[in-house]
Amino acid sequence: MTNTIALVLGVIITLLLIADQIWLGGATTLFLAREFTQLIEWVAFWR
């Protein structure tokens, strides 16, 4: 991954998080965080 691609991805993710906070009140971010913690717990179970 080049620096340009990493920078573009970082900007896109940041803009999506800001848009979620403005228009949806952070609901999508909270949902993804909860699902990610469940995924981590599930993966840790199989370790």
N, C-alpha and C. Protein backbone atom coordinates (compact mmCIF):
# COMPACT_ATOMS: atom_id res chain seq x y z
N MET A 1 0.85 -1.17 0.00
CA MET A 1 0.00 0.00 0.00
C MET A 1 0.90 1.24 0.00
N THR A 2 0.66 2.10 -0.92
CA THR A 2 1.45 3.31 -1.00
C THR A 2 0.92 4.36 -0.03
N ASN A 3 1.72 5.38 0.19
CA ASN A 3 1.30 6.45 1.10
C ASN A 3 0.07 7.18 0.57
N THR A 4 -0.01 7.33 -0.73
CA THR A 4 -1.16 8.02 -1.32
C THR A 4 -2.45 7.25 -1.06
N ILE A 5 -2.41 5.95 -1.27
CA ILE A 5 -3.60 5.13 -1.03
C ILE A 5 -3.98 5.16 0.45
N ALA A 6 -3.00 5.06 1.32
CA ALA A 6 -3.28 5.10 2.76
C ALA A 6 -3.89 6.44 3.16
N LEU A 7 -3.39 7.52 2.61
CA LEU A 7 -3.91 8.84 2.92
C LEU A 7 -5.35 9.00 2.42
N VAL A 8 -5.61 8.55 1.21
CA VAL A 8 -6.97 8.63 0.65
C VAL A 8 -7.94 7.80 1.48
N LEU A 9 -7.55 6.59 1.85
CA LEU A 9 -8.42 5.75 2.68
C LEU A 9 -8.68 6.39 4.04
N GLY A 10 -7.65 6.97 4.62
CA GLY A 10 -7.81 7.65 5.91
C GLY A 10 -8.77 8.83 5.82
N VAL A 11 -8.66 9.61 4.74
CA VAL A 11 -9.55 10.75 4.55
C VAL A 11 -10.99 10.28 4.33
N ILE A 12 -11.17 9.24 3.53
CA ILE A 12 -12.52 8.72 3.28
C ILE A 12 -13.16 8.22 4.57
N ILE A 13 -12.41 7.46 5.35
CA ILE A 13 -12.95 6.93 6.61
C ILE A 13 -13.30 8.07 7.56
N THR A 14 -12.42 9.07 7.64
CA THR A 14 -12.69 10.21 8.51
C THR A 14 -13.94 10.96 8.08
N LEU A 15 -14.09 11.18 6.78
CA LEU A 15 -15.28 11.87 6.27
C LEU A 15 -16.55 11.07 6.54
N LEU A 16 -16.48 9.75 6.41
CA LEU A 16 -17.65 8.92 6.69
C LEU A 16 -18.02 8.98 8.17
N LEU A 17 -17.03 8.99 9.05
CA LEU A 17 -17.31 9.09 10.48
C LEU A 17 -17.93 10.45 10.83
N ILE A 18 -17.42 11.50 10.21
CA ILE A 18 -17.98 12.83 10.44
C ILE A 18 -19.41 12.90 9.92
N ALA A 19 -19.66 12.36 8.73
CA ALA A 19 -21.01 12.37 8.17
C ALA A 19 -21.97 11.57 9.05
N ASP A 20 -21.50 10.47 9.60
CA ASP A 20 -22.34 9.67 10.50
C ASP A 20 -22.70 10.48 11.74
N GLN A 21 -21.75 11.19 12.28
CA GLN A 21 -22.02 12.00 13.47
C GLN A 21 -23.01 13.12 13.17
N ILE A 22 -22.89 13.73 12.00
CA ILE A 22 -23.76 14.87 11.66
C ILE A 22 -25.18 14.41 11.36
N TRP A 23 -25.33 13.43 10.47
CA TRP A 23 -26.66 13.08 9.98
C TRP A 23 -27.35 11.97 10.75
N LEU A 24 -26.59 11.05 11.33
CA LEU A 24 -27.22 9.92 12.00
C LEU A 24 -26.96 9.90 13.51
N GLY A 25 -26.25 10.86 14.01
CA GLY A 25 -26.00 10.94 15.44
C GLY A 25 -25.05 9.88 15.95
N GLY A 26 -24.27 9.29 15.08
CA GLY A 26 -23.29 8.30 15.48
C GLY A 26 -23.84 6.90 15.63
N ALA A 27 -25.04 6.66 15.16
CA ALA A 27 -25.68 5.35 15.32
C ALA A 27 -24.91 4.26 14.57
N THR A 28 -24.46 4.56 13.38
CA THR A 28 -23.74 3.56 12.59
C THR A 28 -22.40 3.22 13.22
N THR A 29 -21.70 4.23 13.70
CA THR A 29 -20.42 3.99 14.35
C THR A 29 -20.59 3.14 15.60
N LEU A 30 -21.62 3.43 16.38
CA LEU A 30 -21.88 2.65 17.59
C LEU A 30 -22.23 1.21 17.24
N PHE A 31 -23.06 1.02 16.21
CA PHE A 31 -23.42 -0.33 15.78
C PHE A 31 -22.18 -1.11 15.34
N LEU A 32 -21.33 -0.49 14.53
CA LEU A 32 -20.13 -1.18 14.06
C LEU A 32 -19.18 -1.50 15.21
N ALA A 33 -19.08 -0.61 16.18
CA ALA A 33 -18.22 -0.86 17.34
C ALA A 33 -18.72 -2.05 18.15
N ARG A 34 -20.04 -2.12 18.34
CA ARG A 34 -20.61 -3.25 19.09
C ARG A 34 -20.41 -4.57 18.34
N GLU A 35 -20.64 -4.55 17.04
CA GLU A 35 -20.45 -5.77 16.25
C GLU A 35 -18.98 -6.19 16.23
N PHE A 36 -18.08 -5.23 16.20
CA PHE A 36 -16.65 -5.54 16.19
C PHE A 36 -16.24 -6.18 17.51
N THR A 37 -16.78 -5.70 18.63
CA THR A 37 -16.44 -6.32 19.91
C THR A 37 -16.97 -7.75 19.99
N GLN A 38 -18.16 -7.98 19.42
CA GLN A 38 -18.68 -9.35 19.38
C GLN A 38 -17.80 -10.24 18.51
N LEU A 39 -17.31 -9.71 17.40
CA LEU A 39 -16.42 -10.47 16.53
C LEU A 39 -15.13 -10.82 17.26
N ILE A 40 -14.56 -9.87 17.99
CA ILE A 40 -13.33 -10.11 18.73
C ILE A 40 -13.54 -11.20 19.78
N GLU A 41 -14.67 -11.15 20.48
CA GLU A 41 -14.96 -12.18 21.48
C GLU A 41 -15.12 -13.54 20.82
N TRP A 42 -15.77 -13.59 19.66
CA TRP A 42 -15.96 -14.86 18.95
C TRP A 42 -14.63 -15.42 18.46
N VAL A 43 -13.77 -14.56 17.95
CA VAL A 43 -12.45 -15.00 17.47
C VAL A 43 -11.60 -15.46 18.65
N ALA A 44 -11.69 -14.76 19.78
CA ALA A 44 -10.92 -15.15 20.96
C ALA A 44 -11.36 -16.51 21.48
N PHE A 45 -12.63 -16.84 21.29
CA PHE A 45 -13.13 -18.15 21.71
C PHE A 45 -12.43 -19.26 20.94
N TRP A 46 -12.17 -19.05 19.67
CA TRP A 46 -11.56 -20.08 18.83
C TRP A 46 -10.04 -20.12 18.95
N ARG A 47 -9.48 -19.25 19.72
CA ARG A 47 -8.03 -19.22 19.86
C ARG A 47 -7.54 -20.39 20.66
